[in-house]
């Protein structure tokens, strides 16, 4: 004779406990899978960000080389504009006479002629 014979409440209670344990274990396993998935996803995103960062900060990276070219062209343009400005100032100085009677338009016309405009 077992302890459950003649006691249906124990059978029902045992079934409830087993069902509750099964549900709790399933929830725990589900939670662990969710957390593990999040951690793996986070690691993959971090690796991708790291690769982009390294590509833009290492001299061998494509992003780094593109940035270098852009910077170089901007610096070249600034230097060229500065040289042109200096050239125009020198020409304007040579176009101006010492009497200080020339107008801005007369000096500008002289500068444009010398620059071939």
PDB file of N, CA and C in Angstrom:
ATOM      1  N   UNK A   1       0.840  -1.168   0.000  1.00  0.00           N
ATOM      2  CA  UNK A   1       0.000   0.000   0.000  1.00  0.00           C
ATOM      3  C   UNK A   1       0.903   1.254   0.000  1.00  0.00           C
ATOM      4  N   UNK A   2       0.624   2.205  -0.917  1.00  0.00           N
ATOM      5  CA  UNK A   2       1.411   3.434  -1.001  1.00  0.00           C
ATOM      6  C   UNK A   2       0.732   4.523  -0.198  1.00  0.00           C
ATOM      7  N   UNK A   3       1.457   5.600  -0.015  1.00  0.00           N
ATOM      8  CA  UNK A   3       0.929   6.704   0.794  1.00  0.00           C
ATOM      9  C   UNK A   3      -0.198   7.463   0.106  1.00  0.00           C
ATOM     10  N   UNK A   4      -0.343   7.264  -1.230  1.00  0.00           N
ATOM     11  CA  UNK A   4      -1.361   7.981  -1.985  1.00  0.00           C
ATOM     12  C   UNK A   4      -2.699   7.246  -2.028  1.00  0.00           C
ATOM     13  N   UNK A   5      -2.702   5.975  -1.724  1.00  0.00           N
ATOM     14  CA  UNK A   5      -3.947   5.207  -1.798  1.00  0.00           C
ATOM     15  C   UNK A   5      -4.940   5.713  -0.763  1.00  0.00           C
ATOM     16  N   UNK A   6      -6.114   6.000  -1.255  1.00  0.00           N
ATOM     17  CA  UNK A   6      -7.159   6.458  -0.377  1.00  0.00           C
ATOM     18  C   UNK A   6      -7.027   7.930  -0.011  1.00  0.00           C
ATOM     19  N   UNK A   7      -6.061   8.587  -0.582  1.00  0.00           N
ATOM     20  CA  UNK A   7      -5.867  10.020  -0.276  1.00  0.00           C
ATOM     21  C   UNK A   7      -5.722  10.801  -1.589  1.00  0.00           C
ATOM     22  N   UNK A   8      -6.822  11.080  -2.262  1.00  0.00           N
ATOM     23  CA  UNK A   8      -6.770  11.773  -3.557  1.00  0.00           C
ATOM     24  C   UNK A   8      -6.206  13.195  -3.440  1.00  0.00           C
ATOM     25  N   UNK A   9      -6.314  13.813  -2.288  1.00  0.00           N
ATOM     26  CA  UNK A   9      -5.777  15.186  -2.127  1.00  0.00           C
ATOM     27  C   UNK A   9      -4.261  15.193  -2.263  1.00  0.00           C
ATOM     28  N   UNK A  10      -3.581  14.109  -1.838  1.00  0.00           N
ATOM     29  CA  UNK A  10      -2.120  14.033  -1.993  1.00  0.00           C
ATOM     30  C   UNK A  10      -1.740  13.884  -3.460  1.00  0.00           C
ATOM     31  N   UNK A  11      -2.506  13.114  -4.195  1.00  0.00           N
ATOM     32  CA  UNK A  11      -2.246  12.949  -5.630  1.00  0.00           C
ATOM     33  C   UNK A  11      -2.405  14.279  -6.344  1.00  0.00           C
ATOM     34  N   UNK A  12      -3.464  15.003  -6.035  1.00  0.00           N
ATOM     35  CA  UNK A  12      -3.708  16.316  -6.647  1.00  0.00           C
ATOM     36  C   UNK A  12      -2.603  17.301  -6.254  1.00  0.00           C
ATOM     37  N   UNK A  13      -2.237  17.296  -4.995  1.00  0.00           N
ATOM     38  CA  UNK A  13      -1.185  18.192  -4.507  1.00  0.00           C
ATOM     39  C   UNK A  13       0.152  17.866  -5.161  1.00  0.00           C
ATOM     40  N   UNK A  14       0.483  16.608  -5.317  1.00  0.00           N
ATOM     41  CA  UNK A  14       1.728  16.200  -5.957  1.00  0.00           C
ATOM     42  C   UNK A  14       1.742  16.646  -7.417  1.00  0.00           C
ATOM     43  N   UNK A  15       0.626  16.495  -8.100  1.00  0.00           N
ATOM     44  CA  UNK A  15       0.532  16.934  -9.491  1.00  0.00           C
ATOM     45  C   UNK A  15       0.735  18.446  -9.599  1.00  0.00           C
ATOM     46  N   UNK A  16       0.171  19.182  -8.673  1.00  0.00           N
ATOM     47  CA  UNK A  16       0.333  20.652  -8.671  1.00  0.00           C
ATOM     48  C   UNK A  16       1.797  21.034  -8.442  1.00  0.00           C
ATOM     49  N   UNK A  17       2.448  20.372  -7.497  1.00  0.00           N
ATOM     50  CA  UNK A  17       3.854  20.668  -7.199  1.00  0.00           C
ATOM     51  C   UNK A  17       4.719  20.357  -8.413  1.00  0.00           C
ATOM     52  N   UNK A  18       4.478  19.212  -9.025  1.00  0.00           N
ATOM     53  CA  UNK A  18       5.258  18.835 -10.211  1.00  0.00           C
ATOM     54  C   UNK A  18       5.020  19.844 -11.336  1.00  0.00           C
ATOM     55  N   UNK A  19       3.777  20.242 -11.545  1.00  0.00           N
ATOM     56  CA  UNK A  19       3.449  21.214 -12.593  1.00  0.00           C
ATOM     57  C   UNK A  19       4.103  22.560 -12.295  1.00  0.00           C
ATOM     58  N   UNK A  20       4.059  22.992 -11.044  1.00  0.00           N
ATOM     59  CA  UNK A  20       4.674  24.259 -10.654  1.00  0.00           C
ATOM     60  C   UNK A  20       6.182  24.217 -10.840  1.00  0.00           C
ATOM     61  N   UNK A  21       6.803  23.129 -10.448  1.00  0.00           N
ATOM     62  CA  UNK A  21       8.251  22.986 -10.644  1.00  0.00           C
ATOM     63  C   UNK A  21       8.604  23.032 -12.126  1.00  0.00           C
ATOM     64  N   UNK A  22       7.818  22.347 -12.934  1.00  0.00           N
ATOM     65  CA  UNK A  22       8.065  22.326 -14.378  1.00  0.00           C
ATOM     66  C   UNK A  22       7.946  23.727 -14.961  1.00  0.00           C
ATOM     67  N   UNK A  23       6.924  24.468 -14.553  1.00  0.00           N
ATOM     68  CA  UNK A  23       6.734  25.841 -15.036  1.00  0.00           C
ATOM     69  C   UNK A  23       7.901  26.726 -14.595  1.00  0.00           C
ATOM     70  N   UNK A  24       8.295  26.611 -13.341  1.00  0.00           N
ATOM     71  CA  UNK A  24       9.410  27.434 -12.833  1.00  0.00           C
ATOM     72  C   UNK A  24      10.711  27.109 -13.557  1.00  0.00           C
ATOM     73  N   UNK A  25      10.963  25.831 -13.785  1.00  0.00           N
ATOM     74  CA  UNK A  25      12.185  25.447 -14.515  1.00  0.00           C
ATOM     75  C   UNK A  25      12.135  25.974 -15.947  1.00  0.00           C
ATOM     76  N   UNK A  26      10.981  25.885 -16.596  1.00  0.00           N
ATOM     77  CA  UNK A  26      10.827  26.391 -17.966  1.00  0.00           C
ATOM     78  C   UNK A  26      11.040  27.905 -18.007  1.00  0.00           C
ATOM     79  N   UNK A  27      10.493  28.626 -17.027  1.00  0.00           N
ATOM     80  CA  UNK A  27      10.694  30.083 -16.967  1.00  0.00           C
ATOM     81  C   UNK A  27      12.161  30.432 -16.738  1.00  0.00           C
ATOM     82  N   UNK A  28      12.817  29.687 -15.858  1.00  0.00           N
ATOM     83  CA  UNK A  28      14.233  29.929 -15.587  1.00  0.00           C
ATOM     84  C   UNK A  28      15.082  29.664 -16.828  1.00  0.00           C
ATOM     85  N   UNK A  29      14.812  28.562 -17.518  1.00  0.00           N
ATOM     86  CA  UNK A  29      15.545  28.252 -18.752  1.00  0.00           C
ATOM     87  C   UNK A  29      15.282  29.324 -19.808  1.00  0.00           C
ATOM     88  N   UNK A  30      14.029  29.767 -19.943  1.00  0.00           N
ATOM     89  CA  UNK A  30      13.693  30.828 -20.891  1.00  0.00           C
ATOM     90  C   UNK A  30      14.416  32.118 -20.564  1.00  0.00           C
ATOM     91  N   UNK A  31      14.446  32.477 -19.288  1.00  0.00           N
ATOM     92  CA  UNK A  31      15.151  33.685 -18.856  1.00  0.00           C
ATOM     93  C   UNK A  31      16.645  33.578 -19.159  1.00  0.00           C
ATOM     94  N   UNK A  32      17.222  32.420 -18.889  1.00  0.00           N
ATOM     95  CA  UNK A  32      18.643  32.233 -19.160  1.00  0.00           C
ATOM     96  C   UNK A  32      18.944  32.330 -20.656  1.00  0.00           C
ATOM     97  N   UNK A  33      18.066  31.785 -21.492  1.00  0.00           N
ATOM     98  CA  UNK A  33      18.246  31.890 -22.940  1.00  0.00           C
ATOM     99  C   UNK A  33      18.134  33.335 -23.408  1.00  0.00           C
ATOM    100  N   UNK A  34      17.185  34.072 -22.840  1.00  0.00           N
ATOM    101  CA  UNK A  34      17.013  35.480 -23.193  1.00  0.00           C
ATOM    102  C   UNK A  34      18.243  36.294 -22.816  1.00  0.00           C
ATOM    103  N   UNK A  35      18.739  36.112 -21.607  1.00  0.00           N
ATOM    104  CA  UNK A  35      19.923  36.857 -21.151  1.00  0.00           C
ATOM    105  C   UNK A  35      21.141  36.477 -21.981  1.00  0.00           C
ATOM    106  N   UNK A  36      21.312  35.193 -22.259  1.00  0.00           N
ATOM    107  CA  UNK A  36      22.450  34.751 -23.064  1.00  0.00           C
ATOM    108  C   UNK A  36      22.374  35.335 -24.470  1.00  0.00           C
ATOM    109  N   UNK A  37      21.182  35.349 -25.054  1.00  0.00           N
ATOM    110  CA  UNK A  37      21.006  35.932 -26.391  1.00  0.00           C
ATOM    111  C   UNK A  37      21.358  37.415 -26.383  1.00  0.00           C
ATOM    112  N   UNK A  38      20.915  38.125 -25.371  1.00  0.00           N
ATOM    113  CA  UNK A  38      21.231  39.551 -25.267  1.00  0.00           C
ATOM    114  C   UNK A  38      22.734  39.767 -25.143  1.00  0.00           C
ATOM    115  N   UNK A  39      23.407  38.967 -24.334  1.00  0.00           N
ATOM    116  CA  UNK A  39      24.847  39.113 -24.157  1.00  0.00           C
ATOM    117  C   UNK A  39      25.610  38.824 -25.452  1.00  0.00           C
ATOM    118  N   UNK A  40      25.180  37.803 -26.178  1.00  0.00           N
ATOM    119  CA  UNK A  40      25.827  37.486 -27.461  1.00  0.00           C
ATOM    120  C   UNK A  40      25.596  38.617 -28.455  1.00  0.00           C
ATOM    121  N   UNK A  41      24.360  39.111 -28.536  1.00  0.00           N
ATOM    122  CA  UNK A  41      24.066  40.224 -29.444  1.00  0.00           C
ATOM    123  C   UNK A  41      24.907  41.451 -29.084  1.00  0.00           C
ATOM    124  N   UNK A  42      24.995  41.755 -27.795  1.00  0.00           N
ATOM    125  CA  UNK A  42      25.772  42.899 -27.337  1.00  0.00           C
ATOM    126  C   UNK A  42      27.245  42.735 -27.698  1.00  0.00           C
ATOM    127  N   UNK A  43      27.778  41.547 -27.566  1.00  0.00           N
ATOM    128  CA  UNK A  43      29.175  41.289 -27.917  1.00  0.00           C
ATOM    129  C   UNK A  43      29.405  41.480 -29.416  1.00  0.00           C
ATOM    130  N   UNK A  44      28.473  41.014 -30.230  1.00  0.00           N
ATOM    131  CA  UNK A  44      28.615  41.164 -31.685  1.00  0.00           C
ATOM    132  C   UNK A  44      28.571  42.631 -32.105  1.00  0.00           C
ATOM    133  N   UNK A  45      27.661  43.388 -31.507  1.00  0.00           N
ATOM    134  CA  UNK A  45      27.583  44.822 -31.812  1.00  0.00           C
ATOM    135  C   UNK A  45      28.869  45.525 -31.367  1.00  0.00           C
ATOM    136  N   UNK A  46      29.385  45.152 -30.215  1.00  0.00           N
ATOM    137  CA  UNK A  46      30.624  45.741 -29.721  1.00  0.00           C
ATOM    138  C   UNK A  46      31.797  45.439 -30.634  1.00  0.00           C
ATOM    139  N   UNK A  47      31.853  44.225 -31.167  1.00  0.00           N
ATOM    140  CA  UNK A  47      32.933  43.860 -32.081  1.00  0.00           C
ATOM    141  C   UNK A  47      32.842  44.660 -33.373  1.00  0.00           C
ATOM    142  N   UNK A  48      31.625  44.873 -33.861  1.00  0.00           N
ATOM    143  CA  UNK A  48      31.451  45.653 -35.087  1.00  0.00           C
ATOM    144  C   UNK A  48      31.878  47.103 -34.857  1.00  0.00           C
ATOM    145  N   UNK A  49      31.480  47.679 -33.732  1.00  0.00           N
ATOM    146  CA  UNK A  49      31.871  49.055 -33.404  1.00  0.00           C
ATOM    147  C   UNK A  49      33.385  49.159 -33.272  1.00  0.00           C
ATOM    148  N   UNK A  50      33.994  48.166 -32.655  1.00  0.00           N
ATOM    149  CA  UNK A  50      35.452  48.145 -32.489  1.00  0.00           C
ATOM    150  C   UNK A  50      36.133  48.111 -33.850  1.00  0.00           C
ATOM    151  N   UNK A  51      35.606  47.299 -34.765  1.00  0.00           N
ATOM    152  CA  UNK A  51      36.200  47.208 -36.101  1.00  0.00           C
ATOM    153  C   UNK A  51      36.117  48.541 -36.836  1.00  0.00           C
ATOM    154  N   UNK A  52      34.973  49.216 -36.722  1.00  0.00           N
ATOM    155  CA  UNK A  52      34.818  50.527 -37.363  1.00  0.00           C
ATOM    156  C   UNK A  52      35.790  51.527 -36.751  1.00  0.00           C
ATOM    157  N   UNK A  53      35.894  51.517 -35.440  1.00  0.00           N
ATOM    158  CA  UNK A  53      36.804  52.433 -34.757  1.00  0.00           C
ATOM    159  C   UNK A  53      38.247  52.186 -35.172  1.00  0.00           C
ATOM    160  N   UNK A  54      38.649  50.939 -35.215  1.00  0.00           N
ATOM    161  CA  UNK A  54      40.015  50.617 -35.626  1.00  0.00           C
ATOM    162  C   UNK A  54      40.253  51.004 -37.078  1.00  0.00           C
ATOM    163  N   UNK A  55      39.270  50.808 -37.942  1.00  0.00           N
ATOM    164  CA  UNK A  55      39.425  51.153 -39.350  1.00  0.00           C
ATOM    165  C   UNK A  55      39.663  52.652 -39.527  1.00  0.00           C
ATOM    166  N   UNK A  56      39.055  53.457 -38.667  1.00  0.00           N
ATOM    167  CA  UNK A  56      39.197  54.909 -38.795  1.00  0.00           C
ATOM    168  C   UNK A  56      40.401  55.467 -38.025  1.00  0.00           C
ATOM    169  N   UNK A  57      41.012  54.664 -37.147  1.00  0.00           N
ATOM    170  CA  UNK A  57      42.122  55.186 -36.344  1.00  0.00           C
ATOM    171  C   UNK A  57      43.472  54.551 -36.664  1.00  0.00           C
ATOM    172  N   UNK A  58      43.478  53.459 -37.406  1.00  0.00           N
ATOM    173  CA  UNK A  58      44.730  52.797 -37.772  1.00  0.00           C
ATOM    174  C   UNK A  58      45.152  53.251 -39.168  1.00  0.00           C
ATOM    175  N   UNK A  59      46.423  53.546 -39.377  1.00  0.00           N
ATOM    176  CA  UNK A  59      46.888  54.003 -40.699  1.00  0.00           C
ATOM    177  C   UNK A  59      46.608  53.022 -41.833  1.00  0.00           C
ATOM    178  N   UNK A  60      46.383  51.764 -41.518  1.00  0.00           N
ATOM    179  CA  UNK A  60      46.101  50.779 -42.566  1.00  0.00           C
ATOM    180  C   UNK A  60      44.624  50.712 -42.914  1.00  0.00           C
ATOM    181  N   UNK A  61      43.777  51.409 -42.163  1.00  0.00           N
ATOM    182  CA  UNK A  61      42.332  51.340 -42.382  1.00  0.00           C
ATOM    183  C   UNK A  61      41.869  52.165 -43.571  1.00  0.00           C
ATOM    184  N   UNK A  62      40.831  51.680 -44.249  1.00  0.00           N
ATOM    185  CA  UNK A  62      40.266  52.388 -45.399  1.00  0.00           C
ATOM    186  C   UNK A  62      39.676  53.730 -44.978  1.00  0.00           C
ATOM    187  N   UNK A  63      38.949  53.732 -43.864  1.00  0.00           N
ATOM    188  CA  UNK A  63      38.343  54.965 -43.348  1.00  0.00           C
ATOM    189  C   UNK A  63      39.421  55.999 -43.027  1.00  0.00           C
ATOM    190  N   UNK A  64      40.519  55.542 -42.438  1.00  0.00           N
ATOM    191  CA  UNK A  64      41.630  56.428 -42.086  1.00  0.00           C
ATOM    192  C   UNK A  64      42.190  57.097 -43.343  1.00  0.00           C
ATOM    193  N   UNK A  65      42.381  56.297 -44.398  1.00  0.00           N
ATOM    194  CA  UNK A  65      42.951  56.833 -45.640  1.00  0.00           C
ATOM    195  C   UNK A  65      42.014  57.832 -46.297  1.00  0.00           C
ATOM    196  N   UNK A  66      40.712  57.553 -46.258  1.00  0.00           N
ATOM    197  CA  UNK A  66      39.732  58.487 -46.819  1.00  0.00           C
ATOM    198  C   UNK A  66      39.771  59.805 -46.050  1.00  0.00           C
ATOM    199  N   UNK A  67      39.822  59.713 -44.721  1.00  0.00           N
ATOM    200  CA  UNK A  67      39.909  60.923 -43.894  1.00  0.00           C
ATOM    201  C   UNK A  67      41.176  61.714 -44.169  1.00  0.00           C
ATOM    202  N   UNK A  68      42.266  61.001 -44.391  1.00  0.00           N
ATOM    203  CA  UNK A  68      43.538  61.661 -44.686  1.00  0.00           C
ATOM    204  C   UNK A  68      43.450  62.426 -46.007  1.00  0.00           C
ATOM    205  N   UNK A  69      42.836  61.794 -47.008  1.00  0.00           N
ATOM    206  CA  UNK A  69      42.697  62.455 -48.314  1.00  0.00           C
ATOM    207  C   UNK A  69      41.829  63.706 -48.202  1.00  0.00           C
ATOM    208  N   UNK A  70      40.724  63.593 -47.445  1.00  0.00           N
ATOM    209  CA  UNK A  70      39.841  64.753 -47.279  1.00  0.00           C
ATOM    210  C   UNK A  70      40.571  65.890 -46.580  1.00  0.00           C
ATOM    211  N   UNK A  71      41.275  65.560 -45.520  1.00  0.00           N
ATOM    212  CA  UNK A  71      42.014  66.586 -44.786  1.00  0.00           C
ATOM    213  C   UNK A  71      43.075  67.218 -45.671  1.00  0.00           C
ATOM    214  N   UNK A  72      43.781  66.388 -46.425  1.00  0.00           N
ATOM    215  CA  UNK A  72      44.826  66.901 -47.311  1.00  0.00           C
ATOM    216  C   UNK A  72      44.277  67.856 -48.349  1.00  0.00           C
ATOM    217  N   UNK A  73      43.129  67.517 -48.933  1.00  0.00           N
ATOM    218  CA  UNK A  73      42.565  68.393 -49.958  1.00  0.00           C
ATOM    219  C   UNK A  73      42.078  69.714 -49.361  1.00  0.00           C
ATOM    220  N   UNK A  74      41.557  69.680 -48.148  1.00  0.00           N
ATOM    221  CA  UNK A  74      41.110  70.914 -47.494  1.00  0.00           C
ATOM    222  C   UNK A  74      42.306  71.802 -47.167  1.00  0.00           C
ATOM    223  N   UNK A  75      43.368  71.197 -46.635  1.00  0.00           N
ATOM    224  CA  UNK A  75      44.571  71.973 -46.312  1.00  0.00           C
ATOM    225  C   UNK A  75      45.160  72.577 -47.582  1.00  0.00           C
ATOM    226  N   UNK A  76      45.200  71.794 -48.654  1.00  0.00           N
ATOM    227  CA  UNK A  76      45.726  72.298 -49.925  1.00  0.00           C
ATOM    228  C   UNK A  76      44.908  73.494 -50.409  1.00  0.00           C
ATOM    229  N   UNK A  77      43.589  73.378 -50.285  1.00  0.00           N
ATOM    230  CA  UNK A  77      42.712  74.470 -50.728  1.00  0.00           C
ATOM    231  C   UNK A  77      42.945  75.724 -49.887  1.00  0.00           C
ATOM    232  N   UNK A  78      43.101  75.545 -48.576  1.00  0.00           N
ATOM    233  CA  UNK A  78      43.342  76.707 -47.696  1.00  0.00           C
ATOM    234  C   UNK A  78      44.659  77.374 -48.049  1.00  0.00           C
ATOM    235  N   UNK A  79      45.696  76.578 -48.251  1.00  0.00           N
ATOM    236  CA  UNK A  79      47.020  77.127 -48.599  1.00  0.00           C
ATOM    237  C   UNK A  79      46.943  77.854 -49.937  1.00  0.00           C
ATOM    238  N   UNK A  80      46.251  77.242 -50.919  1.00  0.00           N
ATOM    239  CA  UNK A  80      46.126  77.853 -52.234  1.00  0.00           C
ATOM    240  C   UNK A  80      45.384  79.184 -52.141  1.00  0.00           C
ATOM    241  N   UNK A  81      44.300  79.236 -51.345  1.00  0.00           N
ATOM    242  CA  UNK A  81      43.558  80.482 -51.189  1.00  0.00           C
ATOM    243  C   UNK A  81      44.425  81.550 -50.519  1.00  0.00           C
ATOM    244  N   UNK A  82      45.234  81.122 -49.533  1.00  0.00           N
ATOM    245  CA  UNK A  82      46.134  82.067 -48.858  1.00  0.00           C
ATOM    246  C   UNK A  82      47.167  82.620 -49.839  1.00  0.00           C
ATOM    247  N   UNK A  83      47.728  81.760 -50.698  1.00  0.00           N
ATOM    248  CA  UNK A  83      48.699  82.223 -51.696  1.00  0.00           C
ATOM    249  C   UNK A  83      48.038  83.175 -52.687  1.00  0.00           C
ATOM    250  N   UNK A  84      46.815  82.861 -53.108  1.00  0.00           N
ATOM    251  CA  UNK A  84      46.109  83.754 -54.029  1.00  0.00           C
ATOM    252  C   UNK A  84      45.837  85.100 -53.380  1.00  0.00           C
ATOM    253  N   UNK A  85      45.444  85.089 -52.109  1.00  0.00           N
ATOM    254  CA  UNK A  85      45.183  86.337 -51.395  1.00  0.00           C
ATOM    255  C   UNK A  85      46.461  87.177 -51.309  1.00  0.00           C
ATOM    256  N   UNK A  86      47.556  86.529 -50.984  1.00  0.00           N
ATOM    257  CA  UNK A  86      48.835  87.255 -50.901  1.00  0.00           C
ATOM    258  C   UNK A  86      49.214  87.845 -52.262  1.00  0.00           C
ATOM    259  N   UNK A  87      49.003  87.079 -53.330  1.00  0.00           N
ATOM    260  CA  UNK A  87      49.325  87.543 -54.686  1.00  0.00           C
ATOM    261  C   UNK A  87      48.488  88.774 -55.034  1.00  0.00           C
ATOM    262  N   UNK A  88      47.197  88.734 -54.702  1.00  0.00           N
ATOM    263  CA  UNK A  88      46.313  89.860 -55.013  1.00  0.00           C
ATOM    264  C   UNK A  88      46.716  91.093 -54.206  1.00  0.00           C
ATOM    265  N   UNK A  89      47.100  90.909 -52.947  1.00  0.00           N
ATOM    266  CA  UNK A  89      47.524  92.040 -52.122  1.00  0.00           C
ATOM    267  C   UNK A  89      48.773  92.686 -52.718  1.00  0.00           C
ATOM    268  N   UNK A  90      49.721  91.867 -53.148  1.00  0.00           N
ATOM    269  CA  UNK A  90      50.959  92.407 -53.742  1.00  0.00           C
ATOM    270  C   UNK A  90      50.628  93.156 -55.032  1.00  0.00           C
ATOM    271  N   UNK A  91      49.782  92.566 -55.881  1.00  0.00           N
ATOM    272  CA  UNK A  91      49.418  93.238 -57.134  1.00  0.00           C
ATOM    273  C   UNK A  91      48.670  94.530 -56.846  1.00  0.00           C
ATOM    274  N   UNK A  92      47.761  94.500 -55.881  1.00  0.00           N
ATOM    275  CA  UNK A  92      47.007  95.708 -55.536  1.00  0.00           C
ATOM    276  C   UNK A  92      47.948  96.797 -55.028  1.00  0.00           C
ATOM    277  N   UNK A  93      48.948  96.397 -54.258  1.00  0.00           N
ATOM    278  CA  UNK A  93      49.904  97.385 -53.758  1.00  0.00           C
ATOM    279  C   UNK A  93      50.688  98.007 -54.903  1.00  0.00           C
ATOM    280  N   UNK A  94      51.044  97.198 -55.881  1.00  0.00           N
ATOM    281  CA  UNK A  94      51.807  97.753 -57.004  1.00  0.00           C
ATOM    282  C   UNK A  94      50.930  98.582 -57.933  1.00  0.00           C
ATOM    283  N   UNK A  95      49.633  98.300 -57.944  1.00  0.00           N
ATOM    284  CA  UNK A  95      48.715  99.073 -58.797  1.00  0.00           C
ATOM    285  C   UNK A  95      48.389 100.444 -58.196  1.00  0.00           C
ATOM    286  N   UNK A  96      48.469 100.544 -56.900  1.00  0.00           N
ATOM    287  CA  UNK A  96      48.095 101.802 -56.251  1.00  0.00           C
ATOM    288  C   UNK A  96      49.230 102.807 -56.405  1.00  0.00           C
ATOM    289  N   UNK A  97      48.857 104.044 -56.790  1.00  0.00           N
ATOM    290  CA  UNK A  97      49.911 105.060 -56.857  1.00  0.00           C
ATOM    291  C   UNK A  97      50.075 105.723 -55.496  1.00  0.00           C
ATOM    292  N   UNK A  98      51.098 106.466 -55.364  1.00  0.00           N
ATOM    293  CA  UNK A  98      51.413 107.038 -54.060  1.00  0.00           C
ATOM    294  C   UNK A  98      50.612 108.308 -53.760  1.00  0.00           C
ATOM    295  N   UNK A  99      49.845 108.771 -54.717  1.00  0.00           N
ATOM    296  CA  UNK A  99      49.110 110.017 -54.494  1.00  0.00           C
ATOM    297  C   UNK A  99      47.841 109.804 -53.679  1.00  0.00           C
ATOM    298  N   UNK A 100      47.426 108.579 -53.524  1.00  0.00           N
ATOM    299  CA  UNK A 100      46.224 108.228 -52.770  1.00  0.00           C
ATOM    300  C   UNK A 100      44.969 108.855 -53.366  1.00  0.00           C
ATOM    301  N   UNK A 101      45.023 109.127 -54.665  1.00  0.00           N
ATOM    302  CA  UNK A 101      43.845 109.708 -55.321  1.00  0.00           C
ATOM    303  C   UNK A 101      43.072 108.664 -56.109  1.00  0.00           C
ATOM    304  N   UNK A 102      43.634 107.481 -56.236  1.00  0.00           N
ATOM    305  CA  UNK A 102      42.935 106.441 -56.987  1.00  0.00           C
ATOM    306  C   UNK A 102      41.744 105.913 -56.201  1.00  0.00           C
ATOM    307  N   UNK A 103      40.719 105.533 -56.945  1.00  0.00           N
ATOM    308  CA  UNK A 103      39.549 104.937 -56.311  1.00  0.00           C
ATOM    309  C   UNK A 103      39.739 103.416 -56.219  1.00  0.00           C
ATOM    310  N   UNK A 104      38.886 102.820 -55.436  1.00  0.00           N
ATOM    311  CA  UNK A 104      38.907 101.348 -55.297  1.00  0.00           C
ATOM    312  C   UNK A 104      38.705 100.693 -56.665  1.00  0.00           C
ATOM    313  N   UNK A 105      37.779 101.244 -57.461  1.00  0.00           N
ATOM    314  CA  UNK A 105      37.482 100.664 -58.760  1.00  0.00           C
ATOM    315  C   UNK A 105      38.693 100.718 -59.682  1.00  0.00           C
ATOM    316  N   UNK A 106      39.450 101.803 -59.630  1.00  0.00           N
ATOM    317  CA  UNK A 106      40.639 101.929 -60.477  1.00  0.00           C
ATOM    318  C   UNK A 106      41.701 100.891 -60.078  1.00  0.00           C
ATOM    319  N   UNK A 107      41.915 100.714 -58.793  1.00  0.00           N
ATOM    320  CA  UNK A 107      42.891  99.728 -58.325  1.00  0.00           C
ATOM    321  C   UNK A 107      42.413  98.315 -58.685  1.00  0.00           C
ATOM    322  N   UNK A 108      41.125  98.061 -58.497  1.00  0.00           N
ATOM    323  CA  UNK A 108      40.569  96.737 -58.820  1.00  0.00           C
ATOM    324  C   UNK A 108      40.698  96.454 -60.308  1.00  0.00           C
ATOM    325  N   UNK A 109      40.465  97.459 -61.142  1.00  0.00           N
ATOM    326  CA  UNK A 109      40.599  97.290 -62.587  1.00  0.00           C
ATOM    327  C   UNK A 109      42.052  96.936 -62.942  1.00  0.00           C
ATOM    328  N   UNK A 110      42.983  97.569 -62.326  1.00  0.00           N
ATOM    329  CA  UNK A 110      44.401  97.284 -62.555  1.00  0.00           C
ATOM    330  C   UNK A 110      44.745  95.854 -62.134  1.00  0.00           C
ATOM    331  N   UNK A 111      44.256  95.443 -60.958  1.00  0.00           N
ATOM    332  CA  UNK A 111      44.516  94.083 -60.461  1.00  0.00           C
ATOM    333  C   UNK A 111      43.904  93.053 -61.411  1.00  0.00           C
ATOM    334  N   UNK A 112      42.660  93.289 -61.854  1.00  0.00           N
ATOM    335  CA  UNK A 112      42.003  92.356 -62.776  1.00  0.00           C
ATOM    336  C   UNK A 112      42.770  92.237 -64.081  1.00  0.00           C
ATOM    337  N   UNK A 113      43.298  93.359 -64.584  1.00  0.00           N
ATOM    338  CA  UNK A 113      44.086  93.318 -65.823  1.00  0.00           C
ATOM    339  C   UNK A 113      45.349  92.487 -65.642  1.00  0.00           C
ATOM    340  N   UNK A 114      46.015  92.665 -64.527  1.00  0.00           N
ATOM    341  CA  UNK A 114      47.256  91.921 -64.290  1.00  0.00           C
ATOM    342  C   UNK A 114      47.006  90.433 -64.050  1.00  0.00           C
ATOM    343  N   UNK A 115      45.855  90.109 -63.498  1.00  0.00           N
ATOM    344  CA  UNK A 115      45.504  88.699 -63.270  1.00  0.00           C
ATOM    345  C   UNK A 115      44.886  88.060 -64.515  1.00  0.00           C
ATOM    346  N   UNK A 116      44.631  88.890 -65.546  1.00  0.00           N
ATOM    347  CA  UNK A 116      44.062  88.378 -66.784  1.00  0.00           C
ATOM    348  C   UNK A 116      42.594  88.047 -66.679  1.00  0.00           C
ATOM    349  N   UNK A 117      41.895  88.781 -65.863  1.00  0.00           N
ATOM    350  CA  UNK A 117      40.449  88.546 -65.695  1.00  0.00           C
ATOM    351  C   UNK A 117      39.641  89.362 -66.658  1.00  0.00           C
TER     352      UNK A 117
END
